[in-house]
Amino acid sequence: SLRSAPDYFIVYGIEQYCFFEIKGFEGEFKIKKSDIGVYSSWQKNHEDTMVVIFAWHKGTGKSYTIQLNRIKDGIESGELKIGGVYDKKNNKEYYVIPLDICHPM
């Protein structure tokens, strides 16, 4: 989990904070299943923590944000499904995150 540590830690006031993860992508916005597990552990181990992923499209320069809870809700409801394998050697599956469920910046 140290390798997947948050890129930024944002403090909003007393005991209000956010783990902020930054991802760049081309084509589809993908997040590894294993990373979602690590992000969930950040949230679980720190009560009242918000985890936000900032995604930047390398080709268009457009950026988006999405909260981890929105991704987890999409997985639980079946809206988000495994999109394939990121690393065939280690069999790392990923989810494709549709940009229409993200917040444009």
PDB file of N, CA and C in Angstrom:
ATOM      1  N   SER A   1       0.816  -1.211   0.000  1.00  0.00           N
ATOM      2  CA  SER A   1       0.000   0.000   0.000  1.00  0.00           C
ATOM      3  C   SER A   1       0.849   1.259   0.000  1.00  0.00           C
ATOM      4  N   LEU A   2       2.087   1.175   0.444  1.00  0.00           N
ATOM      5  CA  LEU A   2       2.967   2.343   0.430  1.00  0.00           C
ATOM      6  C   LEU A   2       3.246   2.780  -1.005  1.00  0.00           C
ATOM      7  N   ARG A   3       3.389   1.819  -1.910  1.00  0.00           N
ATOM      8  CA  ARG A   3       3.615   2.134  -3.306  1.00  0.00           C
ATOM      9  C   ARG A   3       2.433   2.892  -3.891  1.00  0.00           C
ATOM     10  N   SER A   4       1.254   2.636  -3.412  1.00  0.00           N
ATOM     11  CA  SER A   4       0.044   3.291  -3.899  1.00  0.00           C
ATOM     12  C   SER A   4      -0.404   4.410  -2.961  1.00  0.00           C
ATOM     13  N   ALA A   5       0.537   5.020  -2.265  1.00  0.00           N
ATOM     14  CA  ALA A   5       0.202   6.107  -1.336  1.00  0.00           C
ATOM     15  C   ALA A   5      -0.421   7.277  -2.104  1.00  0.00           C
ATOM     16  N   PRO A   6      -1.287   8.048  -1.448  1.00  0.00           N
ATOM     17  CA  PRO A   6      -1.927   9.171  -2.139  1.00  0.00           C
ATOM     18  C   PRO A   6      -0.899  10.194  -2.616  1.00  0.00           C
ATOM     19  N   ASP A   7      -1.210  10.820  -3.747  1.00  0.00           N
ATOM     20  CA  ASP A   7      -0.316  11.851  -4.278  1.00  0.00           C
ATOM     21  C   ASP A   7      -0.364  13.117  -3.430  1.00  0.00           C
ATOM     22  N   TYR A   8      -1.554  13.434  -2.926  1.00  0.00           N
ATOM     23  CA  TYR A   8      -1.724  14.638  -2.102  1.00  0.00           C
ATOM     24  C   TYR A   8      -2.656  14.329  -0.950  1.00  0.00           C
ATOM     25  N   PHE A   9      -2.466  15.085   0.108  1.00  0.00           N
ATOM     26  CA  PHE A   9      -3.296  15.014   1.302  1.00  0.00           C
ATOM     27  C   PHE A   9      -3.808  16.433   1.522  1.00  0.00           C
ATOM     28  N   ILE A  10      -5.098  16.635   1.386  1.00  0.00           N
ATOM     29  CA  ILE A  10      -5.675  17.973   1.465  1.00  0.00           C
ATOM     30  C   ILE A  10      -6.446  18.107   2.780  1.00  0.00           C
ATOM     31  N   VAL A  11      -6.160  19.172   3.507  1.00  0.00           N
ATOM     32  CA  VAL A  11      -6.832  19.429   4.785  1.00  0.00           C
ATOM     33  C   VAL A  11      -7.818  20.575   4.592  1.00  0.00           C
ATOM     34  N   TYR A  12      -9.079  20.341   4.988  1.00  0.00           N
ATOM     35  CA  TYR A  12     -10.141  21.331   4.833  1.00  0.00           C
ATOM     36  C   TYR A  12     -10.510  22.022   6.131  1.00  0.00           C
ATOM     37  N   GLY A  13      -9.951  21.648   7.193  1.00  0.00           N
ATOM     38  CA  GLY A  13     -10.294  22.196   8.503  1.00  0.00           C
ATOM     39  C   GLY A  13      -9.994  21.143   9.542  1.00  0.00           C
ATOM     40  N   ILE A  14     -10.483  21.348  10.705  1.00  0.00           N
ATOM     41  CA  ILE A  14     -10.228  20.398  11.784  1.00  0.00           C
ATOM     42  C   ILE A  14     -10.889  19.070  11.453  1.00  0.00           C
ATOM     43  N   GLU A  15     -10.071  18.027  11.356  1.00  0.00           N
ATOM     44  CA  GLU A  15     -10.512  16.655  11.117  1.00  0.00           C
ATOM     45  C   GLU A  15     -11.295  16.467   9.820  1.00  0.00           C
ATOM     46  N   GLN A  16     -11.119  17.330   8.846  1.00  0.00           N
ATOM     47  CA  GLN A  16     -11.721  17.144   7.528  1.00  0.00           C
ATOM     48  C   GLN A  16     -10.595  17.135   6.509  1.00  0.00           C
ATOM     49  N   TYR A  17     -10.425  16.004   5.853  1.00  0.00           N
ATOM     50  CA  TYR A  17      -9.334  15.908   4.906  1.00  0.00           C
ATOM     51  C   TYR A  17      -9.677  14.961   3.768  1.00  0.00           C
ATOM     52  N   CYS A  18      -8.816  14.990   2.768  1.00  0.00           N
ATOM     53  CA  CYS A  18      -9.061  14.247   1.541  1.00  0.00           C
ATOM     54  C   CYS A  18      -7.747  13.661   1.043  1.00  0.00           C
ATOM     55  N   PHE A  19      -7.795  12.385   0.641  1.00  0.00           N
ATOM     56  CA  PHE A  19      -6.682  11.789  -0.084  1.00  0.00           C
ATOM     57  C   PHE A  19      -6.951  12.047  -1.557  1.00  0.00           C
ATOM     58  N   PHE A  20      -5.960  12.553  -2.252  1.00  0.00           N
ATOM     59  CA  PHE A  20      -6.123  12.971  -3.639  1.00  0.00           C
ATOM     60  C   PHE A  20      -5.138  12.182  -4.494  1.00  0.00           C
ATOM     61  N   GLU A  21      -5.653  11.395  -5.414  1.00  0.00           N
ATOM     62  CA  GLU A  21      -4.842  10.561  -6.292  1.00  0.00           C
ATOM     63  C   GLU A  21      -4.914  11.117  -7.709  1.00  0.00           C
ATOM     64  N   ILE A  22      -3.792  11.175  -8.402  1.00  0.00           N
ATOM     65  CA  ILE A  22      -3.750  11.717  -9.758  1.00  0.00           C
ATOM     66  C   ILE A  22      -3.429  10.608 -10.745  1.00  0.00           C
ATOM     67  N   LYS A  23      -4.227  10.535 -11.808  1.00  0.00           N
ATOM     68  CA  LYS A  23      -4.046   9.533 -12.854  1.00  0.00           C
ATOM     69  C   LYS A  23      -4.040  10.227 -14.209  1.00  0.00           C
ATOM     70  N   GLY A  24      -3.122   9.847 -15.060  1.00  0.00           N
ATOM     71  CA  GLY A  24      -3.133  10.281 -16.450  1.00  0.00           C
ATOM     72  C   GLY A  24      -3.624   9.121 -17.295  1.00  0.00           C
ATOM     73  N   PHE A  25      -4.299   9.430 -18.400  1.00  0.00           N
ATOM     74  CA  PHE A  25      -4.782   8.353 -19.255  1.00  0.00           C
ATOM     75  C   PHE A  25      -4.855   8.799 -20.703  1.00  0.00           C
ATOM     76  N   GLU A  26      -4.848   7.812 -21.587  1.00  0.00           N
ATOM     77  CA  GLU A  26      -5.104   8.010 -23.005  1.00  0.00           C
ATOM     78  C   GLU A  26      -6.200   7.028 -23.379  1.00  0.00           C
ATOM     79  N   GLY A  27      -7.117   7.447 -24.223  1.00  0.00           N
ATOM     80  CA  GLY A  27      -8.212   6.544 -24.583  1.00  0.00           C
ATOM     81  C   GLY A  27      -9.163   6.402 -23.412  1.00  0.00           C
ATOM     82  N   GLU A  28      -9.234   5.196 -22.847  1.00  0.00           N
ATOM     83  CA  GLU A  28     -10.143   4.932 -21.732  1.00  0.00           C
ATOM     84  C   GLU A  28      -9.491   5.260 -20.391  1.00  0.00           C
ATOM     85  N   PHE A  29     -10.294   5.731 -19.464  1.00  0.00           N
ATOM     86  CA  PHE A  29      -9.857   5.976 -18.092  1.00  0.00           C
ATOM     87  C   PHE A  29      -9.995   4.651 -17.349  1.00  0.00           C
ATOM     88  N   LYS A  30      -8.855   4.076 -16.968  1.00  0.00           N
ATOM     89  CA  LYS A  30      -8.825   2.760 -16.330  1.00  0.00           C
ATOM     90  C   LYS A  30      -8.230   2.878 -14.932  1.00  0.00           C
ATOM     91  N   ILE A  31      -8.785   2.106 -14.019  1.00  0.00           N
ATOM     92  CA  ILE A  31      -8.224   2.014 -12.668  1.00  0.00           C
ATOM     93  C   ILE A  31      -8.108   0.539 -12.316  1.00  0.00           C
ATOM     94  N   LYS A  32      -6.902   0.143 -11.880  1.00  0.00           N
ATOM     95  CA  LYS A  32      -6.681  -1.248 -11.515  1.00  0.00           C
ATOM     96  C   LYS A  32      -7.543  -1.628 -10.307  1.00  0.00           C
ATOM     97  N   LYS A  33      -8.059  -2.831 -10.363  1.00  0.00           N
ATOM     98  CA  LYS A  33      -8.849  -3.369  -9.252  1.00  0.00           C
ATOM     99  C   LYS A  33      -8.039  -3.340  -7.962  1.00  0.00           C
ATOM    100  N   SER A  34      -6.760  -3.669  -8.048  1.00  0.00           N
ATOM    101  CA  SER A  34      -5.906  -3.678  -6.853  1.00  0.00           C
ATOM    102  C   SER A  34      -5.747  -2.271  -6.272  1.00  0.00           C
ATOM    103  N   ASP A  35      -5.693  -1.244  -7.137  1.00  0.00           N
ATOM    104  CA  ASP A  35      -5.595   0.131  -6.640  1.00  0.00           C
ATOM    105  C   ASP A  35      -6.868   0.539  -5.908  1.00  0.00           C
ATOM    106  N   ILE A  36      -8.016   0.124  -6.411  1.00  0.00           N
ATOM    107  CA  ILE A  36      -9.276   0.441  -5.733  1.00  0.00           C
ATOM    108  C   ILE A  36      -9.278  -0.173  -4.336  1.00  0.00           C
ATOM    109  N   GLY A  37      -8.715  -1.364  -4.205  1.00  0.00           N
ATOM    110  CA  GLY A  37      -8.594  -1.988  -2.889  1.00  0.00           C
ATOM    111  C   GLY A  37      -7.723  -1.181  -1.949  1.00  0.00           C
ATOM    112  N   VAL A  38      -6.609  -0.660  -2.463  1.00  0.00           N
ATOM    113  CA  VAL A  38      -5.709   0.155  -1.635  1.00  0.00           C
ATOM    114  C   VAL A  38      -6.394   1.462  -1.250  1.00  0.00           C
ATOM    115  N   TYR A  39      -7.036   2.114  -2.214  1.00  0.00           N
ATOM    116  CA  TYR A  39      -7.739   3.370  -1.926  1.00  0.00           C
ATOM    117  C   TYR A  39      -8.828   3.141  -0.869  1.00  0.00           C
ATOM    118  N   SER A  40      -9.497   2.015  -0.972  1.00  0.00           N
ATOM    119  CA  SER A  40     -10.544   1.689   0.016  1.00  0.00           C
ATOM    120  C   SER A  40      -9.944   1.519   1.403  1.00  0.00           C
ATOM    121  N   SER A  41      -8.742   0.955   1.478  1.00  0.00           N
ATOM    122  CA  SER A  41      -8.109   0.795   2.795  1.00  0.00           C
ATOM    123  C   SER A  41      -7.720   2.149   3.378  1.00  0.00           C
ATOM    124  N   TRP A  42      -7.319   3.118   2.528  1.00  0.00           N
ATOM    125  CA  TRP A  42      -7.048   4.461   3.041  1.00  0.00           C
ATOM    126  C   TRP A  42      -8.295   4.994   3.720  1.00  0.00           C
ATOM    127  N   GLN A  43      -9.424   4.842   3.019  1.00  0.00           N
ATOM    128  CA  GLN A  43     -10.682   5.377   3.523  1.00  0.00           C
ATOM    129  C   GLN A  43     -11.116   4.646   4.794  1.00  0.00           C
ATOM    130  N   LYS A  44     -10.953   3.347   4.806  1.00  0.00           N
ATOM    131  CA  LYS A  44     -11.366   2.539   5.951  1.00  0.00           C
ATOM    132  C   LYS A  44     -10.527   2.860   7.191  1.00  0.00           C
ATOM    133  N   ASN A  45      -9.234   3.085   6.988  1.00  0.00           N
ATOM    134  CA  ASN A  45      -8.330   3.322   8.116  1.00  0.00           C
ATOM    135  C   ASN A  45      -8.348   4.753   8.630  1.00  0.00           C
ATOM    136  N   HIS A  46      -9.026   5.634   7.923  1.00  0.00           N
ATOM    137  CA  HIS A  46      -9.092   7.040   8.325  1.00  0.00           C
ATOM    138  C   HIS A  46     -10.539   7.500   8.240  1.00  0.00           C
ATOM    139  N   GLU A  47     -11.221   7.453   9.357  1.00  0.00           N
ATOM    140  CA  GLU A  47     -12.635   7.791   9.415  1.00  0.00           C
ATOM    141  C   GLU A  47     -12.887   9.183   8.844  1.00  0.00           C
ATOM    142  N   ASP A  48     -13.997   9.330   8.145  1.00  0.00           N
ATOM    143  CA  ASP A  48     -14.411  10.607   7.547  1.00  0.00           C
ATOM    144  C   ASP A  48     -13.441  11.111   6.484  1.00  0.00           C
ATOM    145  N   THR A  49     -12.714  10.200   5.855  1.00  0.00           N
ATOM    146  CA  THR A  49     -11.790  10.581   4.796  1.00  0.00           C
ATOM    147  C   THR A  49     -12.484  10.466   3.444  1.00  0.00           C
ATOM    148  N   MET A  50     -12.296  11.474   2.632  1.00  0.00           N
ATOM    149  CA  MET A  50     -12.776  11.429   1.265  1.00  0.00           C
ATOM    150  C   MET A  50     -11.583  11.055   0.385  1.00  0.00           C
ATOM    151  N   VAL A  51     -11.794  10.142  -0.568  1.00  0.00           N
ATOM    152  CA  VAL A  51     -10.764   9.797  -1.538  1.00  0.00           C
ATOM    153  C   VAL A  51     -11.260  10.262  -2.898  1.00  0.00           C
ATOM    154  N   VAL A  52     -10.462  11.109  -3.544  1.00  0.00           N
ATOM    155  CA  VAL A  52     -10.830  11.669  -4.841  1.00  0.00           C
ATOM    156  C   VAL A  52      -9.738  11.331  -5.849  1.00  0.00           C
ATOM    157  N   ILE A  53     -10.162  10.922  -7.030  1.00  0.00           N
ATOM    158  CA  ILE A  53      -9.222  10.648  -8.111  1.00  0.00           C
ATOM    159  C   ILE A  53      -9.358  11.752  -9.147  1.00  0.00           C
ATOM    160  N   PHE A  54      -8.232  12.367  -9.463  1.00  0.00           N
ATOM    161  CA  PHE A  54      -8.155  13.388 -10.502  1.00  0.00           C
ATOM    162  C   PHE A  54      -7.590  12.700 -11.735  1.00  0.00           C
ATOM    163  N   ALA A  55      -8.312  12.754 -12.831  1.00  0.00           N
ATOM    164  CA  ALA A  55      -7.881  12.094 -14.063  1.00  0.00           C
ATOM    165  C   ALA A  55      -7.652  13.131 -15.145  1.00  0.00           C
ATOM    166  N   TRP A  56      -6.501  13.026 -15.794  1.00  0.00           N
ATOM    167  CA  TRP A  56      -6.135  13.967 -16.847  1.00  0.00           C
ATOM    168  C   TRP A  56      -5.916  13.203 -18.143  1.00  0.00           C
ATOM    169  N   HIS A  57      -6.669  13.586 -19.192  1.00  0.00           N
ATOM    170  CA  HIS A  57      -6.553  12.940 -20.497  1.00  0.00           C
ATOM    171  C   HIS A  57      -5.368  13.552 -21.243  1.00  0.00           C
ATOM    172  N   LYS A  58      -4.367  12.739 -21.520  1.00  0.00           N
ATOM    173  CA  LYS A  58      -3.131  13.225 -22.136  1.00  0.00           C
ATOM    174  C   LYS A  58      -3.361  13.793 -23.534  1.00  0.00           C
ATOM    175  N   GLY A  59      -4.301  13.228 -24.280  1.00  0.00           N
ATOM    176  CA  GLY A  59      -4.538  13.662 -25.653  1.00  0.00           C
ATOM    177  C   GLY A  59      -5.295  14.971 -25.770  1.00  0.00           C
ATOM    178  N   THR A  60      -6.331  15.136 -24.953  1.00  0.00           N
ATOM    179  CA  THR A  60      -7.185  16.326 -25.055  1.00  0.00           C
ATOM    180  C   THR A  60      -6.830  17.404 -24.049  1.00  0.00           C
ATOM    181  N   GLY A  61      -6.119  17.027 -22.990  1.00  0.00           N
ATOM    182  CA  GLY A  61      -5.808  17.981 -21.929  1.00  0.00           C
ATOM    183  C   GLY A  61      -6.971  18.234 -20.996  1.00  0.00           C
ATOM    184  N   LYS A  62      -8.085  17.527 -21.186  1.00  0.00           N
ATOM    185  CA  LYS A  62      -9.248  17.687 -20.299  1.00  0.00           C
ATOM    186  C   LYS A  62      -9.003  16.921 -19.008  1.00  0.00           C
ATOM    187  N   SER A  63      -9.600  17.422 -17.930  1.00  0.00           N
ATOM    188  CA  SER A  63      -9.438  16.767 -16.638  1.00  0.00           C
ATOM    189  C   SER A  63     -10.784  16.527 -15.980  1.00  0.00           C
ATOM    190  N   TYR A  64     -10.798  15.532 -15.108  1.00  0.00           N
ATOM    191  CA  TYR A  64     -12.019  15.070 -14.453  1.00  0.00           C
ATOM    192  C   TYR A  64     -11.683  14.680 -13.016  1.00  0.00           C
ATOM    193  N   THR A  65     -12.706  14.680 -12.168  1.00  0.00           N
ATOM    194  CA  THR A  65     -12.561  14.125 -10.822  1.00  0.00           C
ATOM    195  C   THR A  65     -13.702  13.153 -10.583  1.00  0.00           C
ATOM    196  N   ILE A  66     -13.433  12.198  -9.709  1.00  0.00           N
ATOM    197  CA  ILE A  66     -14.467  11.260  -9.287  1.00  0.00           C
ATOM    198  C   ILE A  66     -14.111  10.788  -7.879  1.00  0.00           C
ATOM    199  N   GLN A  67     -15.125  10.675  -7.043  1.00  0.00           N
ATOM    200  CA  GLN A  67     -14.908  10.187  -5.681  1.00  0.00           C
ATOM    201  C   GLN A  67     -14.880   8.664  -5.686  1.00  0.00           C
ATOM    202  N   LEU A  68     -14.048   8.111  -4.826  1.00  0.00           N
ATOM    203  CA  LEU A  68     -13.942   6.665  -4.698  1.00  0.00           C
ATOM    204  C   LEU A  68     -15.301   6.044  -4.400  1.00  0.00           C
ATOM    205  N   ASN A  69     -16.100   6.691  -3.562  1.00  0.00           N
ATOM    206  CA  ASN A  69     -17.418   6.131  -3.225  1.00  0.00           C
ATOM    207  C   ASN A  69     -18.284   5.946  -4.465  1.00  0.00           C
ATOM    208  N   ARG A  70     -18.168   6.857  -5.449  1.00  0.00           N
ATOM    209  CA  ARG A  70     -18.948   6.733  -6.682  1.00  0.00           C
ATOM    210  C   ARG A  70     -18.492   5.510  -7.469  1.00  0.00           C
ATOM    211  N   ILE A  71     -17.201   5.268  -7.499  1.00  0.00           N
ATOM    212  CA  ILE A  71     -16.673   4.085  -8.191  1.00  0.00           C
ATOM    213  C   ILE A  71     -17.129   2.812  -7.495  1.00  0.00           C
ATOM    214  N   LYS A  72     -17.021   2.785  -6.159  1.00  0.00           N
ATOM    215  CA  LYS A  72     -17.437   1.599  -5.403  1.00  0.00           C
ATOM    216  C   LYS A  72     -18.927   1.330  -5.575  1.00  0.00           C
ATOM    217  N   ASP A  73     -19.737   2.386  -5.592  1.00  0.00           N
ATOM    218  CA  ASP A  73     -21.174   2.209  -5.822  1.00  0.00           C
ATOM    219  C   ASP A  73     -21.432   1.615  -7.205  1.00  0.00           C
ATOM    220  N   GLY A  74     -20.689   2.079  -8.207  1.00  0.00           N
ATOM    221  CA  GLY A  74     -20.837   1.556  -9.569  1.00  0.00           C
ATOM    222  C   GLY A  74     -20.435   0.097  -9.677  1.00  0.00           C
ATOM    223  N   ILE A  75     -19.416  -0.298  -8.928  1.00  0.00           N
ATOM    224  CA  ILE A  75     -18.990  -1.702  -8.926  1.00  0.00           C
ATOM    225  C   ILE A  75     -20.046  -2.564  -8.250  1.00  0.00           C
ATOM    226  N   GLU A  76     -20.529  -2.116  -7.084  1.00  0.00           N
ATOM    227  CA  GLU A  76     -21.524  -2.885  -6.338  1.00  0.00           C
ATOM    228  C   GLU A  76     -22.833  -3.042  -7.104  1.00  0.00           C
ATOM    229  N   SER A  77     -23.224  -2.008  -7.843  1.00  0.00           N
ATOM    230  CA  SER A  77     -24.483  -2.061  -8.600  1.00  0.00           C
ATOM    231  C   SER A  77     -24.351  -2.819  -9.920  1.00  0.00           C
ATOM    232  N   GLY A  78     -23.110  -3.089 -10.339  1.00  0.00           N
ATOM    233  CA  GLY A  78     -22.893  -3.763 -11.610  1.00  0.00           C
ATOM    234  C   GLY A  78     -22.754  -2.798 -12.778  1.00  0.00           C
ATOM    235  N   GLU A  79     -22.860  -1.499 -12.506  1.00  0.00           N
ATOM    236  CA  GLU A  79     -22.707  -0.482 -13.549  1.00  0.00           C
ATOM    237  C   GLU A  79     -21.286  -0.504 -14.112  1.00  0.00           C
ATOM    238  N   LEU A  80     -20.287  -0.711 -13.249  1.00  0.00           N
ATOM    239  CA  LEU A  80     -18.890  -0.787 -13.667  1.00  0.00           C
ATOM    240  C   LEU A  80     -18.453  -2.241 -13.612  1.00  0.00           C
ATOM    241  N   LYS A  81     -17.809  -2.676 -14.679  1.00  0.00           N
ATOM    242  CA  LYS A  81     -17.367  -4.060 -14.768  1.00  0.00           C
ATOM    243  C   LYS A  81     -15.883  -4.101 -15.116  1.00  0.00           C
ATOM    244  N   ILE A  82     -15.283  -5.255 -14.900  1.00  0.00           N
ATOM    245  CA  ILE A  82     -13.889  -5.451 -15.275  1.00  0.00           C
ATOM    246  C   ILE A  82     -13.771  -5.225 -16.784  1.00  0.00           C
ATOM    247  N   GLY A  83     -12.825  -4.373 -17.168  1.00  0.00           N
ATOM    248  CA  GLY A  83     -12.658  -4.037 -18.579  1.00  0.00           C
ATOM    249  C   GLY A  83     -11.595  -4.853 -19.274  1.00  0.00           C
ATOM    250  N   GLY A  84     -10.788  -5.572 -18.510  1.00  0.00           N
ATOM    251  CA  GLY A  84      -9.716  -6.370 -19.092  1.00  0.00           C
ATOM    252  C   GLY A  84      -8.601  -6.559 -18.093  1.00  0.00           C
ATOM    253  N   VAL A  85      -7.450  -6.972 -18.627  1.00  0.00           N
ATOM    254  CA  VAL A  85      -6.282  -7.221 -17.794  1.00  0.00           C
ATOM    255  C   VAL A  85      -5.214  -6.212 -18.164  1.00  0.00           C
ATOM    256  N   TYR A  86      -4.731  -5.475 -17.170  1.00  0.00           N
ATOM    257  CA  TYR A  86      -3.726  -4.432 -17.353  1.00  0.00           C
ATOM    258  C   TYR A  86      -2.332  -5.027 -17.551  1.00  0.00           C
ATOM    259  N   ASP A  87      -2.004  -6.002 -16.760  1.00  0.00           N
ATOM    260  CA  ASP A  87      -0.690  -6.630 -16.778  1.00  0.00           C
ATOM    261  C   ASP A  87      -0.911  -8.137 -16.870  1.00  0.00           C
ATOM    262  N   LYS A  88      -0.757  -8.685 -18.074  1.00  0.00           N
ATOM    263  CA  LYS A  88      -1.063 -10.113 -18.280  1.00  0.00           C
ATOM    264  C   LYS A  88      -0.187 -11.028 -17.423  1.00  0.00           C
ATOM    265  N   LYS A  89       1.071 -10.625 -17.204  1.00  0.00           N
ATOM    266  CA  LYS A  89       1.979 -11.449 -16.405  1.00  0.00           C
ATOM    267  C   LYS A  89       1.472 -11.606 -14.972  1.00  0.00           C
ATOM    268  N   ASN A  90       0.990 -10.510 -14.383  1.00  0.00           N
ATOM    269  CA  ASN A  90       0.510 -10.536 -13.001  1.00  0.00           C
ATOM    270  C   ASN A  90      -1.003 -10.588 -12.895  1.00  0.00           C
ATOM    271  N   ASN A  91      -1.687 -10.676 -14.042  1.00  0.00           N
ATOM    272  CA  ASN A  91      -3.149 -10.791 -14.097  1.00  0.00           C
ATOM    273  C   ASN A  91      -3.850  -9.679 -13.316  1.00  0.00           C
ATOM    274  N   LYS A  92      -3.427  -8.424 -13.549  1.00  0.00           N
ATOM    275  CA  LYS A  92      -4.021  -7.276 -12.855  1.00  0.00           C
ATOM    276  C   LYS A  92      -5.209  -6.752 -13.653  1.00  0.00           C
ATOM    277  N   GLU A  93      -6.390  -6.977 -13.119  1.00  0.00           N
ATOM    278  CA  GLU A  93      -7.614  -6.540 -13.785  1.00  0.00           C
ATOM    279  C   GLU A  93      -7.844  -5.051 -13.544  1.00  0.00           C
ATOM    280  N   TYR A  94      -8.599  -4.436 -14.443  1.00  0.00           N
ATOM    281  CA  TYR A  94      -8.926  -3.023 -14.283  1.00  0.00           C
ATOM    282  C   TYR A  94     -10.390  -2.769 -14.606  1.00  0.00           C
ATOM    283  N   TYR A  95     -10.882  -1.668 -14.062  1.00  0.00           N
ATOM    284  CA  TYR A  95     -12.214  -1.165 -14.381  1.00  0.00           C
ATOM    285  C   TYR A  95     -12.059   0.008 -15.337  1.00  0.00           C
ATOM    286  N   VAL A  96     -12.952   0.102 -16.314  1.00  0.00           N
ATOM    287  CA  VAL A  96     -13.019   1.276 -17.170  1.00  0.00           C
ATOM    288  C   VAL A  96     -14.021   2.219 -16.523  1.00  0.00           C
ATOM    289  N   ILE A  97     -13.598   3.451 -16.284  1.00  0.00           N
ATOM    290  CA  ILE A  97     -14.460   4.445 -15.643  1.00  0.00           C
ATOM    291  C   ILE A  97     -15.000   5.367 -16.740  1.00  0.00           C
ATOM    292  N   PRO A  98     -16.312   5.322 -17.001  1.00  0.00           N
ATOM    293  CA  PRO A  98     -16.879   6.198 -18.040  1.00  0.00           C
ATOM    294  C   PRO A  98     -16.754   7.666 -17.633  1.00  0.00           C
ATOM    295  N   LEU A  99     -16.349   8.479 -18.555  1.00  0.00           N
ATOM    296  CA  LEU A  99     -16.160   9.905 -18.253  1.00  0.00           C
ATOM    297  C   LEU A  99     -17.467  10.605 -17.926  1.00  0.00           C
ATOM    298  N   ASP A 100     -18.592  10.048 -18.376  1.00  0.00           N
ATOM    299  CA  ASP A 100     -19.873  10.709 -18.084  1.00  0.00           C
ATOM    300  C   ASP A 100     -20.307  10.571 -16.630  1.00  0.00           C
ATOM    301  N   ILE A 101     -19.628   9.726 -15.843  1.00  0.00           N
ATOM    302  CA  ILE A 101     -19.934   9.668 -14.408  1.00  0.00           C
ATOM    303  C   ILE A 101     -18.938  10.490 -13.604  1.00  0.00           C
ATOM    304  N   CYS A 102     -17.952  11.075 -14.283  1.00  0.00           N
ATOM    305  CA  CYS A 102     -16.945  11.926 -13.642  1.00  0.00           C
ATOM    306  C   CYS A 102     -17.378  13.377 -13.715  1.00  0.00           C
ATOM    307  N   HIS A 103     -16.742  14.193 -12.915  1.00  0.00           N
ATOM    308  CA  HIS A 103     -17.003  15.640 -12.930  1.00  0.00           C
ATOM    309  C   HIS A 103     -15.921  16.329 -13.757  1.00  0.00           C
ATOM    310  N   PRO A 104     -16.304  16.991 -14.860  1.00  0.00           N
ATOM    311  CA  PRO A 104     -15.293  17.710 -15.638  1.00  0.00           C
ATOM    312  C   PRO A 104     -14.761  18.889 -14.842  1.00  0.00           C
ATOM    313  N   MET A 105     -13.511  19.221 -15.078  1.00  0.00           N
ATOM    314  CA  MET A 105     -12.868  20.336 -14.372  1.00  0.00           C
ATOM    315  C   MET A 105     -12.736  21.510 -15.327  1.00  0.00           C
TER     316      MET A 105
END
